[in-house]
Amino acid sequence: MQMSQSTSDPIRGELAHDQQTTPEWSISRYDVVLILIPAAFLLAALFGSMLSLSVHLALFGAALIGAAAVIDGVFWNPPISR
């Protein structure tokens, strides 16, 4: 969660604000990864029942999507310390 910072400008006697406006909250890549995993299983259950797919096939597809999201979040684009 990033918040804009303001610093005082002693020469001008006023507050100087960041040029870049950032929202009060933002969704990071890792939030999307964490949302994607259960969403894949929910969508697999929904589409599996709508398309009369077997439960095993629907869960296998969801597991592949979830595994890809975990691999992306942990290995391909790991979190870095700032």
PDB file of N, CA and C in Angstrom:
ATOM      1  N   MET A   1       0.841  -1.140   0.000  1.00  0.00           N
ATOM      2  CA  MET A   1       0.000   0.000   0.000  1.00  0.00           C
ATOM      3  C   MET A   1       0.902   1.223   0.000  1.00  0.00           C
ATOM      4  N   GLN A   2       0.773   2.053  -1.020  1.00  0.00           N
ATOM      5  CA  GLN A   2       1.608   3.223  -1.140  1.00  0.00           C
ATOM      6  C   GLN A   2       0.787   4.468  -0.868  1.00  0.00           C
ATOM      7  N   MET A   3       1.385   5.366  -0.148  1.00  0.00           N
ATOM      8  CA  MET A   3       0.704   6.620   0.133  1.00  0.00           C
ATOM      9  C   MET A   3       1.617   7.745  -0.312  1.00  0.00           C
ATOM     10  N   SER A   4       1.034   8.826  -0.817  1.00  0.00           N
ATOM     11  CA  SER A   4       1.848   9.941  -1.244  1.00  0.00           C
ATOM     12  C   SER A   4       2.393  10.670  -0.024  1.00  0.00           C
ATOM     13  N   GLN A   5       3.609  11.155  -0.157  1.00  0.00           N
ATOM     14  CA  GLN A   5       4.270  11.842   0.936  1.00  0.00           C
ATOM     15  C   GLN A   5       4.408  13.308   0.584  1.00  0.00           C
ATOM     16  N   SER A   6       4.393  14.145   1.573  1.00  0.00           N
ATOM     17  CA  SER A   6       4.615  15.561   1.334  1.00  0.00           C
ATOM     18  C   SER A   6       5.772  16.019   2.199  1.00  0.00           C
ATOM     19  N   THR A   7       6.573  16.870   1.653  1.00  0.00           N
ATOM     20  CA  THR A   7       7.707  17.420   2.382  1.00  0.00           C
ATOM     21  C   THR A   7       7.588  18.927   2.385  1.00  0.00           C
ATOM     22  N   SER A   8       8.154  19.546   3.400  1.00  0.00           N
ATOM     23  CA  SER A   8       8.067  21.002   3.463  1.00  0.00           C
ATOM     24  C   SER A   8       9.209  21.621   2.674  1.00  0.00           C
ATOM     25  N   ASP A   9       8.938  22.733   2.050  1.00  0.00           N
ATOM     26  CA  ASP A   9       9.928  23.469   1.277  1.00  0.00           C
ATOM     27  C   ASP A   9      10.262  24.741   2.054  1.00  0.00           C
ATOM     28  N   PRO A  10      11.445  24.794   2.709  1.00  0.00           N
ATOM     29  CA  PRO A  10      11.749  25.950   3.552  1.00  0.00           C
ATOM     30  C   PRO A  10      11.935  27.228   2.756  1.00  0.00           C
ATOM     31  N   ILE A  11      12.313  27.155   1.488  1.00  0.00           N
ATOM     32  CA  ILE A  11      12.528  28.365   0.691  1.00  0.00           C
ATOM     33  C   ILE A  11      11.197  29.006   0.334  1.00  0.00           C
ATOM     34  N   ARG A  12      10.243  28.214  -0.104  1.00  0.00           N
ATOM     35  CA  ARG A  12       8.940  28.747  -0.509  1.00  0.00           C
ATOM     36  C   ARG A  12       8.004  28.933   0.676  1.00  0.00           C
ATOM     37  N   GLY A  13       8.274  28.239   1.765  1.00  0.00           N
ATOM     38  CA  GLY A  13       7.402  28.342   2.918  1.00  0.00           C
ATOM     39  C   GLY A  13       6.081  27.635   2.741  1.00  0.00           C
ATOM     40  N   GLU A  14       6.046  26.652   1.899  1.00  0.00           N
ATOM     41  CA  GLU A  14       4.806  25.905   1.658  1.00  0.00           C
ATOM     42  C   GLU A  14       5.129  24.425   1.548  1.00  0.00           C
ATOM     43  N   LEU A  15       4.103  23.624   1.516  1.00  0.00           N
ATOM     44  CA  LEU A  15       4.282  22.183   1.386  1.00  0.00           C
ATOM     45  C   LEU A  15       4.432  21.820  -0.083  1.00  0.00           C
ATOM     46  N   ALA A  16       5.422  21.031  -0.383  1.00  0.00           N
ATOM     47  CA  ALA A  16       5.618  20.539  -1.740  1.00  0.00           C
ATOM     48  C   ALA A  16       5.073  19.122  -1.815  1.00  0.00           C
ATOM     49  N   HIS A  17       4.217  18.851  -2.760  1.00  0.00           N
ATOM     50  CA  HIS A  17       3.606  17.530  -2.924  1.00  0.00           C
ATOM     51  C   HIS A  17       4.298  16.792  -4.054  1.00  0.00           C
ATOM     52  N   ASP A  18       4.205  15.472  -4.005  1.00  0.00           N
ATOM     53  CA  ASP A  18       4.769  14.656  -5.073  1.00  0.00           C
ATOM     54  C   ASP A  18       4.097  15.001  -6.393  1.00  0.00           C
ATOM     55  N   GLN A  19       4.870  14.949  -7.453  1.00  0.00           N
ATOM     56  CA  GLN A  19       4.314  15.175  -8.783  1.00  0.00           C
ATOM     57  C   GLN A  19       3.412  14.011  -9.191  1.00  0.00           C
ATOM     58  N   GLN A  20       3.764  12.861  -8.723  1.00  0.00           N
ATOM     59  CA  GLN A  20       3.003  11.666  -9.071  1.00  0.00           C
ATOM     60  C   GLN A  20       1.889  11.470  -8.056  1.00  0.00           C
ATOM     61  N   THR A  21       0.679  11.387  -8.535  1.00  0.00           N
ATOM     62  CA  THR A  21      -0.437  11.135  -7.630  1.00  0.00           C
ATOM     63  C   THR A  21      -0.669   9.637  -7.554  1.00  0.00           C
ATOM     64  N   THR A  22      -0.642   9.114  -6.361  1.00  0.00           N
ATOM     65  CA  THR A  22      -0.877   7.692  -6.148  1.00  0.00           C
ATOM     66  C   THR A  22      -2.167   7.527  -5.372  1.00  0.00           C
ATOM     67  N   PRO A  23      -2.917   6.481  -5.676  1.00  0.00           N
ATOM     68  CA  PRO A  23      -4.149   6.257  -4.927  1.00  0.00           C
ATOM     69  C   PRO A  23      -3.839   5.844  -3.493  1.00  0.00           C
ATOM     70  N   GLU A  24      -4.831   5.919  -2.654  1.00  0.00           N
ATOM     71  CA  GLU A  24      -4.667   5.524  -1.256  1.00  0.00           C
ATOM     72  C   GLU A  24      -4.345   4.043  -1.134  1.00  0.00           C
ATOM     73  N   TRP A  25      -4.835   3.228  -2.053  1.00  0.00           N
ATOM     74  CA  TRP A  25      -4.545   1.804  -2.049  1.00  0.00           C
ATOM     75  C   TRP A  25      -4.343   1.366  -3.487  1.00  0.00           C
ATOM     76  N   SER A  26      -3.595   0.334  -3.662  1.00  0.00           N
ATOM     77  CA  SER A  26      -3.389  -0.220  -4.991  1.00  0.00           C
ATOM     78  C   SER A  26      -3.253  -1.735  -4.873  1.00  0.00           C
ATOM     79  N   ILE A  27      -3.561  -2.417  -5.939  1.00  0.00           N
ATOM     80  CA  ILE A  27      -3.475  -3.873  -5.961  1.00  0.00           C
ATOM     81  C   ILE A  27      -2.141  -4.250  -6.582  1.00  0.00           C
ATOM     82  N   SER A  28      -1.364  -5.030  -5.867  1.00  0.00           N
ATOM     83  CA  SER A  28      -0.062  -5.451  -6.379  1.00  0.00           C
ATOM     84  C   SER A  28      -0.208  -6.733  -7.203  1.00  0.00           C
ATOM     85  N   ARG A  29       0.864  -7.094  -7.847  1.00  0.00           N
ATOM     86  CA  ARG A  29       0.901  -8.326  -8.642  1.00  0.00           C
ATOM     87  C   ARG A  29       0.628  -9.542  -7.762  1.00  0.00           C
ATOM     88  N   TYR A  30       1.108  -9.512  -6.534  1.00  0.00           N
ATOM     89  CA  TYR A  30       0.966 -10.647  -5.636  1.00  0.00           C
ATOM     90  C   TYR A  30      -0.450 -10.750  -5.089  1.00  0.00           C
ATOM     91  N   ASP A  31      -1.160  -9.638  -4.993  1.00  0.00           N
ATOM     92  CA  ASP A  31      -2.576  -9.687  -4.647  1.00  0.00           C
ATOM     93  C   ASP A  31      -3.354 -10.390  -5.756  1.00  0.00           C
ATOM     94  N   VAL A  32      -3.005 -10.094  -6.998  1.00  0.00           N
ATOM     95  CA  VAL A  32      -3.676 -10.732  -8.139  1.00  0.00           C
ATOM     96  C   VAL A  32      -3.405 -12.243  -8.140  1.00  0.00           C
ATOM     97  N   VAL A  33      -2.173 -12.625  -7.825  1.00  0.00           N
ATOM     98  CA  VAL A  33      -1.843 -14.059  -7.758  1.00  0.00           C
ATOM     99  C   VAL A  33      -2.686 -14.743  -6.691  1.00  0.00           C
ATOM    100  N   LEU A  34      -2.815 -14.110  -5.526  1.00  0.00           N
ATOM    101  CA  LEU A  34      -3.597 -14.714  -4.447  1.00  0.00           C
ATOM    102  C   LEU A  34      -5.084 -14.758  -4.762  1.00  0.00           C
ATOM    103  N   ILE A  35      -5.572 -13.835  -5.540  1.00  0.00           N
ATOM    104  CA  ILE A  35      -6.981 -13.837  -5.946  1.00  0.00           C
ATOM    105  C   ILE A  35      -7.220 -14.865  -7.046  1.00  0.00           C
ATOM    106  N   LEU A  36      -6.231 -15.029  -7.926  1.00  0.00           N
ATOM    107  CA  LEU A  36      -6.382 -15.917  -9.077  1.00  0.00           C
ATOM    108  C   LEU A  36      -6.532 -17.386  -8.682  1.00  0.00           C
ATOM    109  N   ILE A  37      -5.852 -17.804  -7.635  1.00  0.00           N
ATOM    110  CA  ILE A  37      -5.864 -19.230  -7.273  1.00  0.00           C
ATOM    111  C   ILE A  37      -7.264 -19.711  -6.880  1.00  0.00           C
ATOM    112  N   PRO A  38      -7.942 -19.079  -5.898  1.00  0.00           N
ATOM    113  CA  PRO A  38      -9.300 -19.567  -5.598  1.00  0.00           C
ATOM    114  C   PRO A  38     -10.303 -19.246  -6.711  1.00  0.00           C
ATOM    115  N   ALA A  39     -10.055 -18.162  -7.444  1.00  0.00           N
ATOM    116  CA  ALA A  39     -10.964 -17.828  -8.549  1.00  0.00           C
ATOM    117  C   ALA A  39     -10.916 -18.903  -9.626  1.00  0.00           C
ATOM    118  N   ALA A  40      -9.749 -19.478  -9.863  1.00  0.00           N
ATOM    119  CA  ALA A  40      -9.634 -20.552 -10.856  1.00  0.00           C
ATOM    120  C   ALA A  40     -10.467 -21.761 -10.444  1.00  0.00           C
ATOM    121  N   PHE A  41     -10.449 -22.081  -9.161  1.00  0.00           N
ATOM    122  CA  PHE A  41     -11.231 -23.244  -8.697  1.00  0.00           C
ATOM    123  C   PHE A  41     -12.733 -22.950  -8.726  1.00  0.00           C
ATOM    124  N   LEU A  42     -13.114 -21.730  -8.376  1.00  0.00           N
ATOM    125  CA  LEU A  42     -14.538 -21.382  -8.445  1.00  0.00           C
ATOM    126  C   LEU A  42     -15.042 -21.396  -9.884  1.00  0.00           C
ATOM    127  N   LEU A  43     -14.262 -20.817 -10.787  1.00  0.00           N
ATOM    128  CA  LEU A  43     -14.669 -20.816 -12.199  1.00  0.00           C
ATOM    129  C   LEU A  43     -14.663 -22.229 -12.775  1.00  0.00           C
ATOM    130  N   ALA A  44     -13.728 -23.064 -12.347  1.00  0.00           N
ATOM    131  CA  ALA A  44     -13.707 -24.451 -12.825  1.00  0.00           C
ATOM    132  C   ALA A  44     -14.950 -25.200 -12.366  1.00  0.00           C
ATOM    133  N   ALA A  45     -15.358 -24.961 -11.128  1.00  0.00           N
ATOM    134  CA  ALA A  45     -16.577 -25.609 -10.640  1.00  0.00           C
ATOM    135  C   ALA A  45     -17.803 -25.107 -11.398  1.00  0.00           C
ATOM    136  N   LEU A  46     -17.842 -23.820 -11.660  1.00  0.00           N
ATOM    137  CA  LEU A  46     -18.981 -23.240 -12.379  1.00  0.00           C
ATOM    138  C   LEU A  46     -19.047 -23.744 -13.816  1.00  0.00           C
ATOM    139  N   PHE A  47     -17.950 -23.614 -14.545  1.00  0.00           N
ATOM    140  CA  PHE A  47     -17.950 -24.040 -15.942  1.00  0.00           C
ATOM    141  C   PHE A  47     -18.014 -25.554 -16.075  1.00  0.00           C
ATOM    142  N   GLY A  48     -17.438 -26.265 -15.112  1.00  0.00           N
ATOM    143  CA  GLY A  48     -17.524 -27.729 -15.153  1.00  0.00           C
ATOM    144  C   GLY A  48     -18.952 -28.220 -15.037  1.00  0.00           C
ATOM    145  N   SER A  49     -19.731 -27.557 -14.185  1.00  0.00           N
ATOM    146  CA  SER A  49     -21.128 -27.969 -14.054  1.00  0.00           C
ATOM    147  C   SER A  49     -21.972 -27.492 -15.240  1.00  0.00           C
ATOM    148  N   MET A  50     -21.641 -26.328 -15.783  1.00  0.00           N
ATOM    149  CA  MET A  50     -22.395 -25.820 -16.938  1.00  0.00           C
ATOM    150  C   MET A  50     -22.125 -26.637 -18.198  1.00  0.00           C
ATOM    151  N   LEU A  51     -20.888 -27.083 -18.360  1.00  0.00           N
ATOM    152  CA  LEU A  51     -20.515 -27.808 -19.573  1.00  0.00           C
ATOM    153  C   LEU A  51     -20.524 -29.319 -19.389  1.00  0.00           C
ATOM    154  N   SER A  52     -20.991 -29.777 -18.251  1.00  0.00           N
ATOM    155  CA  SER A  52     -21.060 -31.209 -17.932  1.00  0.00           C
ATOM    156  C   SER A  52     -19.698 -31.898 -18.039  1.00  0.00           C
ATOM    157  N   LEU A  53     -18.666 -31.199 -17.564  1.00  0.00           N
ATOM    158  CA  LEU A  53     -17.334 -31.797 -17.514  1.00  0.00           C
ATOM    159  C   LEU A  53     -17.216 -32.627 -16.246  1.00  0.00           C
ATOM    160  N   SER A  54     -16.307 -33.576 -16.270  1.00  0.00           N
ATOM    161  CA  SER A  54     -16.096 -34.348 -15.053  1.00  0.00           C
ATOM    162  C   SER A  54     -15.415 -33.464 -14.012  1.00  0.00           C
ATOM    163  N   VAL A  55     -15.624 -33.779 -12.760  1.00  0.00           N
ATOM    164  CA  VAL A  55     -15.037 -33.003 -11.669  1.00  0.00           C
ATOM    165  C   VAL A  55     -13.518 -33.078 -11.731  1.00  0.00           C
ATOM    166  N   HIS A  56     -13.007 -34.232 -12.095  1.00  0.00           N
ATOM    167  CA  HIS A  56     -11.555 -34.416 -12.166  1.00  0.00           C
ATOM    168  C   HIS A  56     -10.935 -33.522 -13.235  1.00  0.00           C
ATOM    169  N   LEU A  57     -11.572 -33.426 -14.369  1.00  0.00           N
ATOM    170  CA  LEU A  57     -11.051 -32.599 -15.453  1.00  0.00           C
ATOM    171  C   LEU A  57     -11.103 -31.114 -15.079  1.00  0.00           C
ATOM    172  N   ALA A  58     -12.200 -30.686 -14.480  1.00  0.00           N
ATOM    173  CA  ALA A  58     -12.327 -29.284 -14.080  1.00  0.00           C
ATOM    174  C   ALA A  58     -11.302 -28.925 -13.005  1.00  0.00           C
ATOM    175  N   LEU A  59     -11.113 -29.804 -12.015  1.00  0.00           N
ATOM    176  CA  LEU A  59     -10.122 -29.540 -10.972  1.00  0.00           C
ATOM    177  C   LEU A  59      -8.700 -29.598 -11.507  1.00  0.00           C
ATOM    178  N   PHE A  60      -8.448 -30.443 -12.481  1.00  0.00           N
ATOM    179  CA  PHE A  60      -7.119 -30.505 -13.085  1.00  0.00           C
ATOM    180  C   PHE A  60      -6.790 -29.191 -13.793  1.00  0.00           C
ATOM    181  N   GLY A  61      -7.765 -28.650 -14.525  1.00  0.00           N
ATOM    182  CA  GLY A  61      -7.550 -27.360 -15.191  1.00  0.00           C
ATOM    183  C   GLY A  61      -7.322 -26.237 -14.190  1.00  0.00           C
ATOM    184  N   ALA A  62      -8.097 -26.237 -13.105  1.00  0.00           N
ATOM    185  CA  ALA A  62      -7.921 -25.215 -12.073  1.00  0.00           C
ATOM    186  C   ALA A  62      -6.574 -25.364 -11.381  1.00  0.00           C
ATOM    187  N   ALA A  63      -6.151 -26.587 -11.167  1.00  0.00           N
ATOM    188  CA  ALA A  63      -4.853 -26.815 -10.532  1.00  0.00           C
ATOM    189  C   ALA A  63      -3.711 -26.341 -11.427  1.00  0.00           C
ATOM    190  N   LEU A  64      -3.840 -26.526 -12.725  1.00  0.00           N
ATOM    191  CA  LEU A  64      -2.819 -26.027 -13.645  1.00  0.00           C
ATOM    192  C   LEU A  64      -2.733 -24.507 -13.606  1.00  0.00           C
ATOM    193  N   ILE A  65      -3.879 -23.843 -13.590  1.00  0.00           N
ATOM    194  CA  ILE A  65      -3.891 -22.378 -13.521  1.00  0.00           C
ATOM    195  C   ILE A  65      -3.321 -21.903 -12.189  1.00  0.00           C
ATOM    196  N   GLY A  66      -3.724 -22.551 -11.094  1.00  0.00           N
ATOM    197  CA  GLY A  66      -3.198 -22.186  -9.785  1.00  0.00           C
ATOM    198  C   GLY A  66      -1.703 -22.415  -9.680  1.00  0.00           C
ATOM    199  N   ALA A  67      -1.224 -23.526 -10.229  1.00  0.00           N
ATOM    200  CA  ALA A  67       0.213 -23.814 -10.197  1.00  0.00           C
ATOM    201  C   ALA A  67       0.988 -22.800 -11.025  1.00  0.00           C
ATOM    202  N   ALA A  68       0.441 -22.410 -12.167  1.00  0.00           N
ATOM    203  CA  ALA A  68       1.099 -21.393 -12.991  1.00  0.00           C
ATOM    204  C   ALA A  68       1.170 -20.059 -12.251  1.00  0.00           C
ATOM    205  N   ALA A  69       0.111 -19.718 -11.520  1.00  0.00           N
ATOM    206  CA  ALA A  69       0.110 -18.466 -10.755  1.00  0.00           C
ATOM    207  C   ALA A  69       1.146 -18.507  -9.638  1.00  0.00           C
ATOM    208  N   VAL A  70       1.259 -19.644  -8.958  1.00  0.00           N
ATOM    209  CA  VAL A  70       2.246 -19.773  -7.881  1.00  0.00           C
ATOM    210  C   VAL A  70       3.666 -19.725  -8.449  1.00  0.00           C
ATOM    211  N   ILE A  71       3.908 -20.420  -9.542  1.00  0.00           N
ATOM    212  CA  ILE A  71       5.235 -20.399 -10.161  1.00  0.00           C
ATOM    213  C   ILE A  71       5.601 -18.991 -10.606  1.00  0.00           C
ATOM    214  N   ASP A  72       4.634 -18.280 -11.171  1.00  0.00           N
ATOM    215  CA  ASP A  72       4.881 -16.897 -11.582  1.00  0.00           C
ATOM    216  C   ASP A  72       5.201 -16.021 -10.381  1.00  0.00           C
ATOM    217  N   GLY A  73       4.441 -16.154  -9.306  1.00  0.00           N
ATOM    218  CA  GLY A  73       4.631 -15.294  -8.149  1.00  0.00           C
ATOM    219  C   GLY A  73       5.846 -15.623  -7.311  1.00  0.00           C
ATOM    220  N   VAL A  74       6.306 -16.870  -7.366  1.00  0.00           N
ATOM    221  CA  VAL A  74       7.431 -17.272  -6.515  1.00  0.00           C
ATOM    222  C   VAL A  74       8.751 -17.338  -7.286  1.00  0.00           C
ATOM    223  N   PHE A  75       8.724 -17.871  -8.506  1.00  0.00           N
ATOM    224  CA  PHE A  75       9.968 -18.101  -9.226  1.00  0.00           C
ATOM    225  C   PHE A  75      10.241 -17.097 -10.337  1.00  0.00           C
ATOM    226  N   TRP A  76       9.258 -16.844 -11.204  1.00  0.00           N
ATOM    227  CA  TRP A  76       9.511 -15.952 -12.341  1.00  0.00           C
ATOM    228  C   TRP A  76       9.554 -14.481 -11.939  1.00  0.00           C
ATOM    229  N   ASN A  77       8.673 -14.067 -11.062  1.00  0.00           N
ATOM    230  CA  ASN A  77       8.625 -12.677 -10.587  1.00  0.00           C
ATOM    231  C   ASN A  77       8.567 -12.668  -9.069  1.00  0.00           C
ATOM    232  N   PRO A  78       9.658 -13.060  -8.419  1.00  0.00           N
ATOM    233  CA  PRO A  78       9.618 -13.153  -6.955  1.00  0.00           C
ATOM    234  C   PRO A  78       9.544 -11.776  -6.300  1.00  0.00           C
ATOM    235  N   PRO A  79       8.993 -11.724  -5.104  1.00  0.00           N
ATOM    236  CA  PRO A  79       8.969 -10.443  -4.395  1.00  0.00           C
ATOM    237  C   PRO A  79      10.393 -10.029  -4.049  1.00  0.00           C
ATOM    238  N   ILE A  80      10.652  -8.746  -4.142  1.00  0.00           N
ATOM    239  CA  ILE A  80      11.971  -8.228  -3.811  1.00  0.00           C
ATOM    240  C   ILE A  80      11.836  -7.264  -2.645  1.00  0.00           C
ATOM    241  N   SER A  81      12.855  -7.197  -1.842  1.00  0.00           N
ATOM    242  CA  SER A  81      12.818  -6.246  -0.724  1.00  0.00           C
ATOM    243  C   SER A  81      13.288  -4.897  -1.225  1.00  0.00           C
ATOM    244  N   ARG A  82      12.642  -3.877  -0.746  1.00  0.00           N
ATOM    245  CA  ARG A  82      12.982  -2.522  -1.201  1.00  0.00           C
ATOM    246  C   ARG A  82      13.806  -1.816  -0.199  1.00  0.00           C
TER     247      ARG A  82
END
